[in-house]
PDB file of N, CA and C in Angstrom:
ATOM      1  N   MET A   1      16.401  10.789  -3.250  1.00  0.00           N
ATOM      2  CA  MET A   1      15.623   9.103  -3.336  1.00  0.00           C
ATOM      3  C   MET A   1      15.162   8.823  -2.398  1.00  0.00           C
ATOM      4  N   ILE A   2      13.559   8.058  -2.428  1.00  0.00           N
ATOM      5  CA  ILE A   2      13.129   7.726  -1.412  1.00  0.00           C
ATOM      6  C   ILE A   2      12.535   6.004  -1.305  1.00  0.00           C
ATOM      7  N   ALA A   3      13.004   5.144  -0.582  1.00  0.00           N
ATOM      8  CA  ALA A   3      13.058   4.219  -0.131  1.00  0.00           C
ATOM      9  C   ALA A   3      11.762   3.733   0.475  1.00  0.00           C
ATOM     10  N   ASP A   4      10.797   3.122  -0.578  1.00  0.00           N
ATOM     11  CA  ASP A   4       9.629   2.593   0.214  1.00  0.00           C
ATOM     12  C   ASP A   4       9.010   3.237   1.229  1.00  0.00           C
ATOM     13  N   GLY A   5       8.744   4.627   0.670  1.00  0.00           N
ATOM     14  CA  GLY A   5       8.063   5.738   1.716  1.00  0.00           C
ATOM     15  C   GLY A   5       9.242   6.611   2.406  1.00  0.00           C
ATOM     16  N   TYR A   6      10.509   6.024   3.082  1.00  0.00           N
ATOM     17  CA  TYR A   6      11.500   6.604   3.421  1.00  0.00           C
ATOM     18  C   TYR A   6      12.381   7.732   2.750  1.00  0.00           C
ATOM     19  N   SER A   7      12.402   8.574   3.349  1.00  0.00           N
ATOM     20  CA  SER A   7      13.261   9.696   3.070  1.00  0.00           C
ATOM     21  C   SER A   7      14.334   9.680   3.868  1.00  0.00           C
ATOM     22  N   PRO A   8      15.851  10.076   3.524  1.00  0.00           N
ATOM     23  CA  PRO A   8      16.960  10.184   4.166  1.00  0.00           C
ATOM     24  C   PRO A   8      17.035  11.078   5.430  1.00  0.00           C
ATOM     25  N   SER A   9      16.055  11.938   5.471  1.00  0.00           N
ATOM     26  CA  SER A   9      15.693  12.962   6.817  1.00  0.00           C
ATOM     27  C   SER A   9      15.014  12.116   7.697  1.00  0.00           C
ATOM     28  N   GLU A  10      14.094  11.294   7.493  1.00  0.00           N
ATOM     29  CA  GLU A  10      13.417  10.310   8.199  1.00  0.00           C
ATOM     30  C   GLU A  10      14.098   8.989   8.888  1.00  0.00           C
ATOM     31  N   CYS A  11      15.265   8.977   8.372  1.00  0.00           N
ATOM     32  CA  CYS A  11      15.690   8.045   9.046  1.00  0.00           C
ATOM     33  C   CYS A  11      16.790   8.515  10.090  1.00  0.00           C
ATOM     34  N   ASP A  12      17.470   7.401  11.282  1.00  0.00           N
ATOM     35  CA  ASP A  12      18.159   7.869  12.099  1.00  0.00           C
ATOM     36  C   ASP A  12      19.479   7.914  11.696  1.00  0.00           C
ATOM     37  N   SER A  13      19.846   7.285  10.452  1.00  0.00           N
ATOM     38  CA  SER A  13      21.358   7.213  10.098  1.00  0.00           C
ATOM     39  C   SER A  13      21.131   6.836   8.611  1.00  0.00           C
ATOM     40  N   TYR A  14      22.121   7.201   8.029  1.00  0.00           N
ATOM     41  CA  TYR A  14      22.641   7.048   6.806  1.00  0.00           C
ATOM     42  C   TYR A  14      22.276   5.423   6.483  1.00  0.00           C
ATOM     43  N   GLU A  15      23.191   4.424   7.365  1.00  0.00           N
ATOM     44  CA  GLU A  15      23.248   2.900   7.479  1.00  0.00           C
ATOM     45  C   GLU A  15      21.459   2.424   7.571  1.00  0.00           C
ATOM     46  N   GLU A  16      20.635   3.135   8.138  1.00  0.00           N
ATOM     47  CA  GLU A  16      19.423   2.846   8.633  1.00  0.00           C
ATOM     48  C   GLU A  16      18.804   3.067   6.997  1.00  0.00           C
ATOM     49  N   PHE A  17      18.987   3.908   6.385  1.00  0.00           N
ATOM     50  CA  PHE A  17      18.540   4.213   5.129  1.00  0.00           C
ATOM     51  C   PHE A  17      18.775   3.323   4.124  1.00  0.00           C
ATOM     52  N   VAL A  18      20.160   2.887   3.964  1.00  0.00           N
ATOM     53  CA  VAL A  18      20.634   2.355   2.953  1.00  0.00           C
ATOM     54  C   VAL A  18      20.012   0.720   3.564  1.00  0.00           C
ATOM     55  N   GLY A  19      20.085   0.136   4.278  1.00  0.00           N
ATOM     56  CA  GLY A  19      19.282  -0.917   4.806  1.00  0.00           C
ATOM     57  C   GLY A  19      17.960  -1.233   4.422  1.00  0.00           C
ATOM     58  N   ILE A  20      17.120  -0.079   4.118  1.00  0.00           N
ATOM     59  CA  ILE A  20      15.765   0.195   3.873  1.00  0.00           C
ATOM     60  C   ILE A  20      15.891  -0.077   2.221  1.00  0.00           C
ATOM     61  N   SER A  21      16.645   0.857   2.155  1.00  0.00           N
ATOM     62  CA  SER A  21      16.719   0.598   0.486  1.00  0.00           C
ATOM     63  C   SER A  21      17.142  -0.556   0.125  1.00  0.00           C
ATOM     64  N   LEU A  22      17.835  -1.203   0.432  1.00  0.00           N
ATOM     65  CA  LEU A  22      18.269  -2.426  -0.076  1.00  0.00           C
ATOM     66  C   LEU A  22      17.482  -3.614   0.518  1.00  0.00           C
ATOM     67  N   ASN A  23      16.534  -3.651   1.038  1.00  0.00           N
ATOM     68  CA  ASN A  23      15.485  -4.595   1.597  1.00  0.00           C
ATOM     69  C   ASN A  23      14.048  -4.393   1.206  1.00  0.00           C
ATOM     70  N   SER A  24      14.028  -3.182   0.584  1.00  0.00           N
ATOM     71  CA  SER A  24      12.403  -2.167   0.054  1.00  0.00           C
ATOM     72  C   SER A  24      12.010  -3.561  -1.071  1.00  0.00           C
ATOM     73  N   ASN A  25      12.549  -4.193  -1.965  1.00  0.00           N
ATOM     74  CA  ASN A  25      11.868  -4.973  -2.531  1.00  0.00           C
ATOM     75  C   ASN A  25      11.633  -6.022  -2.025  1.00  0.00           C
ATOM     76  N   LYS A  26      12.439  -6.782  -1.007  1.00  0.00           N
ATOM     77  CA  LYS A  26      11.989  -7.893  -0.005  1.00  0.00           C
ATOM     78  C   LYS A  26      10.978  -7.533   0.624  1.00  0.00           C
ATOM     79  N   MET A  27      10.688  -6.354   1.225  1.00  0.00           N
ATOM     80  CA  MET A  27       9.454  -5.981   2.106  1.00  0.00           C
ATOM     81  C   MET A  27       7.999  -5.798   1.132  1.00  0.00           C
ATOM     82  N   ASN A  28       8.195  -5.601  -0.010  1.00  0.00           N
ATOM     83  CA  ASN A  28       7.190  -5.640  -1.132  1.00  0.00           C
ATOM     84  C   ASN A  28       6.971  -7.174  -1.286  1.00  0.00           C
ATOM     85  N   LEU A  29       7.755  -8.158  -1.871  1.00  0.00           N
ATOM     86  CA  LEU A  29       7.260  -9.345  -1.926  1.00  0.00           C
ATOM     87  C   LEU A  29       6.699 -10.012  -0.578  1.00  0.00           C
ATOM     88  N   ARG A  30       7.550  -9.624   0.550  1.00  0.00           N
ATOM     89  CA  ARG A  30       6.797 -10.346   1.596  1.00  0.00           C
ATOM     90  C   ARG A  30       5.127  -9.961   1.979  1.00  0.00           C
ATOM     91  N   ARG A  31       4.840  -8.438   1.595  1.00  0.00           N
ATOM     92  CA  ARG A  31       3.315  -8.012   1.522  1.00  0.00           C
ATOM     93  C   ARG A  31       2.845  -8.907   0.437  1.00  0.00           C
ATOM     94  N   ALA A  32       3.258  -8.982  -0.649  1.00  0.00           N
ATOM     95  CA  ALA A  32       2.755  -9.634  -2.169  1.00  0.00           C
ATOM     96  C   ALA A  32       2.066 -11.188  -1.336  1.00  0.00           C
ATOM     97  N   TYR A  33       3.539 -11.788  -0.822  1.00  0.00           N
ATOM     98  CA  TYR A  33       3.239 -12.796  -0.619  1.00  0.00           C
ATOM     99  C   TYR A  33       2.002 -13.397   1.258  1.00  0.00           C
ATOM    100  N   TYR A  34       1.930 -12.530   1.881  1.00  0.00           N
ATOM    101  CA  TYR A  34       1.213 -12.400   2.636  1.00  0.00           C
ATOM    102  C   TYR A  34      -0.513 -12.208   1.931  1.00  0.00           C
ATOM    103  N   ALA A  35      -0.421 -11.419   1.113  1.00  0.00           N
ATOM    104  CA  ALA A  35      -1.764 -10.902   0.603  1.00  0.00           C
ATOM    105  C   ALA A  35      -2.294 -12.076  -0.182  1.00  0.00           C
ATOM    106  N   ALA A  36      -1.195 -13.098  -0.895  1.00  0.00           N
ATOM    107  CA  ALA A  36      -1.963 -13.913  -1.488  1.00  0.00           C
ATOM    108  C   ALA A  36      -2.186 -15.229  -0.709  1.00  0.00           C
ATOM    109  N   LEU A  37      -1.312 -15.234   0.518  1.00  0.00           N
ATOM    110  CA  LEU A  37      -1.936 -16.336   1.437  1.00  0.00           C
ATOM    111  C   LEU A  37      -3.417 -15.969   2.002  1.00  0.00           C
ATOM    112  N   ALA A  38      -3.603 -14.744   2.249  1.00  0.00           N
ATOM    113  CA  ALA A  38      -4.888 -14.379   2.549  1.00  0.00           C
ATOM    114  C   ALA A  38      -5.987 -14.479   1.806  1.00  0.00           C
ATOM    115  N   ILE A  39      -5.708 -14.509   0.503  1.00  0.00           N
ATOM    116  CA  ILE A  39      -6.613 -14.828  -0.639  1.00  0.00           C
ATOM    117  C   ILE A  39      -6.805 -16.680  -0.729  1.00  0.00           C
ATOM    118  N   GLN A  40      -5.816 -16.874  -0.494  1.00  0.00           N
ATOM    119  CA  GLN A  40      -6.013 -18.563  -0.667  1.00  0.00           C
ATOM    120  C   GLN A  40      -6.739 -19.045   0.547  1.00  0.00           C
ATOM    121  N   VAL A  41      -6.347 -18.558   1.525  1.00  0.00           N
ATOM    122  CA  VAL A  41      -7.151 -18.880   2.866  1.00  0.00           C
ATOM    123  C   VAL A  41      -8.518 -18.396   2.543  1.00  0.00           C
ATOM    124  N   ALA A  42      -8.945 -17.359   2.049  1.00  0.00           N
ATOM    125  CA  ALA A  42     -10.513 -16.576   2.268  1.00  0.00           C
ATOM    126  C   ALA A  42     -11.156 -17.859   1.244  1.00  0.00           C
ATOM    127  N   ASN A  43     -10.404 -18.262   0.040  1.00  0.00           N
ATOM    128  CA  ASN A  43     -11.184 -19.021  -0.997  1.00  0.00           C
ATOM    129  C   ASN A  43     -10.813 -20.625  -0.518  1.00  0.00           C
ATOM    130  N   GLY A  44      -9.952 -20.971   0.487  1.00  0.00           N
ATOM    131  CA  GLY A  44     -10.225 -22.252   0.538  1.00  0.00           C
ATOM    132  C   GLY A  44     -11.137 -22.747   1.491  1.00  0.00           C
ATOM    133  N   THR A  45     -11.372 -24.000   2.121  1.00  0.00           N
ATOM    134  CA  THR A  45     -11.962 -24.822   2.778  1.00  0.00           C
ATOM    135  C   THR A  45     -11.471 -25.111   4.261  1.00  0.00           C
ATOM    136  N   GLY A  46     -12.028 -25.929   4.970  1.00  0.00           N
ATOM    137  CA  GLY A  46     -11.329 -26.562   5.880  1.00  0.00           C
ATOM    138  C   GLY A  46     -10.958 -25.385   7.663  1.00  0.00           C
ATOM    139  N   GLU A  47     -10.941 -26.133   8.335  1.00  0.00           N
ATOM    140  CA  GLU A  47     -10.405 -25.198   9.359  1.00  0.00           C
ATOM    141  C   GLU A  47      -9.040 -24.572   9.177  1.00  0.00           C
ATOM    142  N   LEU A  48      -8.857 -23.176   9.877  1.00  0.00           N
ATOM    143  CA  LEU A  48      -7.645 -22.706  10.017  1.00  0.00           C
ATOM    144  C   LEU A  48      -7.252 -23.010  11.172  1.00  0.00           C
ATOM    145  N   ASP A  49      -5.805 -23.186  11.053  1.00  0.00           N
ATOM    146  CA  ASP A  49      -4.767 -23.300  12.444  1.00  0.00           C
ATOM    147  C   ASP A  49      -4.893 -22.416  13.633  1.00  0.00           C
ATOM    148  N   TYR A  50      -5.110 -22.771  14.716  1.00  0.00           N
ATOM    149  CA  TYR A  50      -5.096 -21.756  16.070  1.00  0.00           C
ATOM    150  C   TYR A  50      -3.835 -20.798  15.703  1.00  0.00           C
ATOM    151  N   GLU A  51      -2.663 -20.682  15.196  1.00  0.00           N
ATOM    152  CA  GLU A  51      -1.722 -19.970  14.949  1.00  0.00           C
ATOM    153  C   GLU A  51      -2.564 -18.565  14.338  1.00  0.00           C
ATOM    154  N   TRP A  52      -3.176 -18.953  13.324  1.00  0.00           N
ATOM    155  CA  TRP A  52      -3.713 -17.631  12.629  1.00  0.00           C
ATOM    156  C   TRP A  52      -4.845 -16.721  13.509  1.00  0.00           C
ATOM    157  N   PHE A  53      -5.394 -16.946  14.814  1.00  0.00           N
ATOM    158  CA  PHE A  53      -5.890 -16.492  15.656  1.00  0.00           C
ATOM    159  C   PHE A  53      -5.273 -15.873  16.465  1.00  0.00           C
ATOM    160  N   ALA A  54      -4.364 -16.842  16.928  1.00  0.00           N
ATOM    161  CA  ALA A  54      -3.359 -16.100  18.382  1.00  0.00           C
ATOM    162  C   ALA A  54      -2.287 -14.908  17.823  1.00  0.00           C
ATOM    163  N   ALA A  55      -2.240 -14.759  16.042  1.00  0.00           N
ATOM    164  CA  ALA A  55      -1.148 -13.898  15.702  1.00  0.00           C
ATOM    165  C   ALA A  55      -2.081 -12.561  16.006  1.00  0.00           C
ATOM    166  N   VAL A  56      -3.418 -12.653  15.617  1.00  0.00           N
ATOM    167  CA  VAL A  56      -4.282 -11.071  15.809  1.00  0.00           C
ATOM    168  C   VAL A  56      -4.933 -10.986  16.732  1.00  0.00           C
ATOM    169  N   ALA A  57      -5.250 -12.105  17.948  1.00  0.00           N
ATOM    170  CA  ALA A  57      -6.110 -11.846  19.184  1.00  0.00           C
ATOM    171  C   ALA A  57      -5.550 -10.777  20.100  1.00  0.00           C
ATOM    172  N   ASP A  58      -5.995 -10.258  20.784  1.00  0.00           N
ATOM    173  CA  ASP A  58      -5.263  -9.657  22.042  1.00  0.00           C
ATOM    174  C   ASP A  58      -5.057 -10.412  23.250  1.00  0.00           C
ATOM    175  N   ASP A  59      -5.416 -11.857  23.150  1.00  0.00           N
ATOM    176  CA  ASP A  59      -5.186 -12.761  24.429  1.00  0.00           C
ATOM    177  C   ASP A  59      -5.600 -14.334  23.864  1.00  0.00           C
ATOM    178  N   GLU A  60      -5.239 -15.108  24.667  1.00  0.00           N
ATOM    179  CA  GLU A  60      -5.593 -16.374  24.507  1.00  0.00           C
ATOM    180  C   GLU A  60      -7.166 -16.934  24.243  1.00  0.00           C
ATOM    181  N   ASP A  61      -8.009 -15.973  25.176  1.00  0.00           N
ATOM    182  CA  ASP A  61      -9.469 -16.198  25.486  1.00  0.00           C
ATOM    183  C   ASP A  61      -9.655 -15.448  23.886  1.00  0.00           C
ATOM    184  N   ALA A  62      -9.415 -14.475  23.323  1.00  0.00           N
ATOM    185  CA  ALA A  62     -10.093 -13.657  22.311  1.00  0.00           C
ATOM    186  C   ALA A  62      -9.712 -14.738  21.196  1.00  0.00           C
ATOM    187  N   ALA A  63      -8.622 -15.191  21.166  1.00  0.00           N
ATOM    188  CA  ALA A  63      -8.130 -16.314  19.849  1.00  0.00           C
ATOM    189  C   ALA A  63      -8.855 -17.428  20.100  1.00  0.00           C
ATOM    190  N   ASP A  64      -9.210 -17.875  21.076  1.00  0.00           N
ATOM    191  CA  ASP A  64     -10.256 -19.318  21.253  1.00  0.00           C
ATOM    192  C   ASP A  64     -11.652 -18.718  20.605  1.00  0.00           C
ATOM    193  N   ASP A  65     -12.126 -17.927  21.133  1.00  0.00           N
ATOM    194  CA  ASP A  65     -13.522 -17.156  20.750  1.00  0.00           C
ATOM    195  C   ASP A  65     -13.406 -17.098  19.117  1.00  0.00           C
ATOM    196  N   LEU A  66     -12.477 -16.447  18.977  1.00  0.00           N
ATOM    197  CA  LEU A  66     -12.178 -16.002  17.239  1.00  0.00           C
ATOM    198  C   LEU A  66     -12.142 -17.496  16.576  1.00  0.00           C
ATOM    199  N   ALA A  67     -11.105 -18.422  16.673  1.00  0.00           N
ATOM    200  CA  ALA A  67     -11.242 -19.567  16.048  1.00  0.00           C
ATOM    201  C   ALA A  67     -12.553 -20.452  16.109  1.00  0.00           C
ATOM    202  N   PHE A  68     -12.943 -20.364  17.077  1.00  0.00           N
ATOM    203  CA  PHE A  68     -14.177 -20.942  17.232  1.00  0.00           C
ATOM    204  C   PHE A  68     -15.039 -20.431  16.271  1.00  0.00           C
ATOM    205  N   LYS A  69     -15.559 -19.011  16.400  1.00  0.00           N
ATOM    206  CA  LYS A  69     -16.760 -17.973  15.262  1.00  0.00           C
ATOM    207  C   LYS A  69     -16.178 -18.279  13.920  1.00  0.00           C
ATOM    208  N   VAL A  70     -14.911 -18.391  13.448  1.00  0.00           N
ATOM    209  CA  VAL A  70     -14.302 -18.309  12.132  1.00  0.00           C
ATOM    210  C   VAL A  70     -14.436 -19.630  11.248  1.00  0.00           C
ATOM    211  N   ASN A  71     -13.953 -20.615  12.284  1.00  0.00           N
ATOM    212  CA  ASN A  71     -14.134 -21.870  12.003  1.00  0.00           C
ATOM    213  C   ASN A  71     -15.504 -22.557  11.863  1.00  0.00           C
ATOM    214  N   ALA A  72     -16.407 -22.376  12.505  1.00  0.00           N
ATOM    215  CA  ALA A  72     -17.754 -22.783  12.460  1.00  0.00           C
ATOM    216  C   ALA A  72     -18.316 -21.914  11.012  1.00  0.00           C
ATOM    217  N   ASP A  73     -18.221 -20.723  10.923  1.00  0.00           N
ATOM    218  CA  ASP A  73     -18.417 -20.127   9.759  1.00  0.00           C
ATOM    219  C   ASP A  73     -17.723 -20.550   8.736  1.00  0.00           C
ATOM    220  N   ARG A  74     -16.589 -21.126   8.498  1.00  0.00           N
ATOM    221  CA  ARG A  74     -16.386 -21.649   7.109  1.00  0.00           C
ATOM    222  C   ARG A  74     -16.707 -23.192   7.067  1.00  0.00           C
ATOM    223  N   GLN A  75     -16.926 -24.086   8.161  1.00  0.00           N
ATOM    224  CA  GLN A  75     -17.746 -25.064   8.061  1.00  0.00           C
ATOM    225  C   GLN A  75     -19.132 -25.147   7.492  1.00  0.00           C
ATOM    226  N   THR A  76     -20.039 -23.872   7.880  1.00  0.00           N
ATOM    227  CA  THR A  76     -21.282 -23.681   7.439  1.00  0.00           C
ATOM    228  C   THR A  76     -21.073 -23.136   6.392  1.00  0.00           C
ATOM    229  N   ALA A  77     -20.211 -22.434   5.575  1.00  0.00           N
ATOM    230  CA  ALA A  77     -19.976 -22.038   4.402  1.00  0.00           C
ATOM    231  C   ALA A  77     -19.797 -23.541   3.407  1.00  0.00           C
ATOM    232  N   GLU A  78     -18.864 -23.894   3.946  1.00  0.00           N
ATOM    233  CA  GLU A  78     -18.236 -25.010   3.043  1.00  0.00           C
ATOM    234  C   GLU A  78     -19.792 -26.240   2.943  1.00  0.00           C
ATOM    235  N   LEU A  79     -20.613 -26.517   4.094  1.00  0.00           N
ATOM    236  CA  LEU A  79     -21.802 -27.141   3.975  1.00  0.00           C
ATOM    237  C   LEU A  79     -22.735 -26.671   2.897  1.00  0.00           C
ATOM    238  N   ARG A  80     -22.564 -25.597   2.754  1.00  0.00           N
ATOM    239  CA  ARG A  80     -23.922 -24.629   1.902  1.00  0.00           C
ATOM    240  C   ARG A  80     -23.341 -24.665   0.397  1.00  0.00           C
ATOM    241  N   ALA A  81     -22.056 -24.696   0.323  1.00  0.00           N
ATOM    242  CA  ALA A  81     -21.569 -24.770  -1.024  1.00  0.00           C
ATOM    243  C   ALA A  81     -21.422 -26.249  -1.774  1.00  0.00           C
ATOM    244  N   LYS A  82     -21.330 -27.244  -0.722  1.00  0.00           N
ATOM    245  CA  LYS A  82     -21.565 -28.686  -1.296  1.00  0.00           C
ATOM    246  C   LYS A  82     -23.330 -28.685  -1.515  1.00  0.00           C
ATOM    247  N   ARG A  83     -23.877 -28.277  -0.562  1.00  0.00           N
ATOM    248  CA  ARG A  83     -25.093 -28.773  -1.001  1.00  0.00           C
ATOM    249  C   ARG A  83     -25.600 -28.035  -2.639  1.00  0.00           C
ATOM    250  N   ARG A  84     -24.873 -26.710  -2.860  1.00  0.00           N
ATOM    251  CA  ARG A  84     -25.218 -26.168  -4.043  1.00  0.00           C
ATOM    252  C   ARG A  84     -24.670 -26.875  -5.313  1.00  0.00           C
ATOM    253  N   GLY A  85     -23.593 -27.338  -4.998  1.00  0.00           N
ATOM    254  CA  GLY A  85     -22.769 -28.113  -5.725  1.00  0.00           C
ATOM    255  C   GLY A  85     -21.602 -27.377  -6.172  1.00  0.00           C
ATOM    256  N   ASN A  86     -21.569 -26.382  -5.330  1.00  0.00           N
ATOM    257  CA  ASN A  86     -19.729 -25.566  -6.080  1.00  0.00           C
ATOM    258  C   ASN A  86     -18.393 -26.443  -5.244  1.00  0.00           C
ATOM    259  N   ILE A  87     -18.798 -27.070  -4.740  1.00  0.00           N
ATOM    260  CA  ILE A  87     -17.683 -27.771  -3.860  1.00  0.00           C
ATOM    261  C   ILE A  87     -18.001 -29.504  -4.172  1.00  0.00           C
ATOM    262  N   HIS A  88     -17.270 -30.183  -4.504  1.00  0.00           N
ATOM    263  CA  HIS A  88     -17.423 -31.494  -4.418  1.00  0.00           C
ATOM    264  C   HIS A  88     -16.563 -32.498  -3.334  1.00  0.00           C
TER     265      HIS A  88
END
Protein backbone atom coordinates (compact mmCIF):
# COMPACT_ATOMS: atom_id res chain seq x y z
CA MET A 1 0.00 0.00 0.00
CA ILE A 2 1.36 3.41 -0.95
CA ALA A 3 -0.15 6.60 0.46
CA ASP A 4 0.31 9.63 -1.75
CA GLY A 5 3.69 8.45 -2.97
CA TYR A 6 4.93 7.11 0.39
CA SER A 7 5.53 3.48 1.19
CA PRO A 8 5.73 2.15 4.75
CA SER A 9 9.48 1.61 4.37
CA GLU A 10 10.00 5.34 3.68
CA CYS A 11 8.27 6.47 6.87
CA ASP A 12 9.98 6.72 10.24
CA SER A 13 7.11 4.99 12.00
CA TYR A 14 3.85 3.20 11.37
CA GLU A 15 2.04 6.15 12.96
CA GLU A 16 3.61 8.49 10.39
CA PHE A 17 2.50 6.24 7.54
CA VAL A 18 -1.05 5.99 8.93
CA GLY A 19 -1.15 9.77 9.36
CA ILE A 20 -0.08 10.28 5.75
CA SER A 21 -2.57 7.65 4.58
CA LEU A 22 -5.46 9.26 6.44
CA ASN A 23 -4.58 12.76 5.26
CA SER A 24 -3.71 12.03 1.63
CA ASN A 25 -7.18 13.03 0.38
CA LYS A 26 -6.97 16.24 2.39
CA MET A 27 -3.53 16.99 0.91
CA ASN A 28 -4.87 16.40 -2.62
CA LEU A 29 -7.84 18.68 -1.98
CA ARG A 30 -5.52 21.36 -0.61
CA ARG A 31 -3.35 21.19 -3.76
CA ALA A 32 -6.47 21.39 -5.94
CA TYR A 33 -7.70 24.40 -3.96
CA TYR A 34 -4.39 26.22 -4.41
CA ALA A 35 -4.34 25.41 -8.13
CA ALA A 36 -7.89 26.78 -8.50
CA LEU A 37 -6.92 29.88 -6.52
CA ALA A 38 -3.89 30.44 -8.75
CA ILE A 39 -6.05 30.16 -11.87
CA GLN A 40 -8.55 32.61 -10.40
CA VAL A 41 -5.75 35.08 -9.64
CA ALA A 42 -4.24 34.64 -13.10
CA ASN A 43 -7.58 35.36 -14.75
CA GLY A 44 -8.59 38.13 -12.38
CA THR A 45 -8.01 41.83 -12.39
CA GLY A 46 -6.76 44.29 -9.83
CA GLU A 47 -3.75 44.29 -7.58
CA LEU A 48 -2.63 41.27 -5.59
CA ASP A 49 -2.09 41.64 -1.85
CA TYR A 50 1.44 41.93 -0.53
CA GLU A 51 1.07 38.54 1.19
CA TRP A 52 1.19 36.80 -2.21
CA PHE A 53 4.66 38.17 -2.83
CA ALA A 54 5.94 37.81 0.72
CA ALA A 55 5.10 34.10 0.55
CA VAL A 56 7.40 33.49 -2.44
CA ALA A 57 10.13 36.09 -2.06
CA ASP A 58 13.38 35.60 -0.15
CA ASP A 59 13.10 38.87 1.76
CA GLU A 60 11.03 42.06 2.08
CA ASP A 61 12.96 43.95 -0.61
CA ALA A 62 12.42 41.15 -3.11
CA ALA A 63 8.73 40.99 -2.16
CA ASP A 64 8.39 44.76 -2.66
CA ASP A 65 10.08 44.61 -6.06
CA LEU A 66 7.99 41.64 -7.15
CA ALA A 67 4.75 43.24 -5.95
CA PHE A 68 5.51 46.44 -7.83
CA LYS A 69 6.40 44.65 -11.08
CA VAL A 70 3.56 42.14 -11.06
CA ASN A 71 0.89 44.65 -10.05
CA ALA A 72 2.12 47.13 -12.66
CA ASP A 73 1.96 44.38 -15.30
CA ARG A 74 -1.57 43.45 -14.15
CA GLN A 75 -2.70 47.09 -14.41
CA THR A 76 -1.23 47.37 -17.91
CA ALA A 77 -2.93 44.16 -19.00
CA GLU A 78 -6.24 45.30 -17.54
CA LEU A 79 -6.05 48.66 -19.35
CA ARG A 80 -5.21 46.93 -22.65
CA ALA A 81 -8.11 44.53 -22.21
CA LYS A 82 -10.51 47.40 -21.46
CA ARG A 83 -9.28 49.27 -24.54
CA ARG A 84 -9.95 46.19 -26.67
CA GLY A 85 -13.37 45.72 -25.10
CA ASN A 86 -12.51 42.43 -23.37
CA ILE A 87 -13.32 43.84 -19.91
CA HIS A 88 -16.17 46.17 -19.05
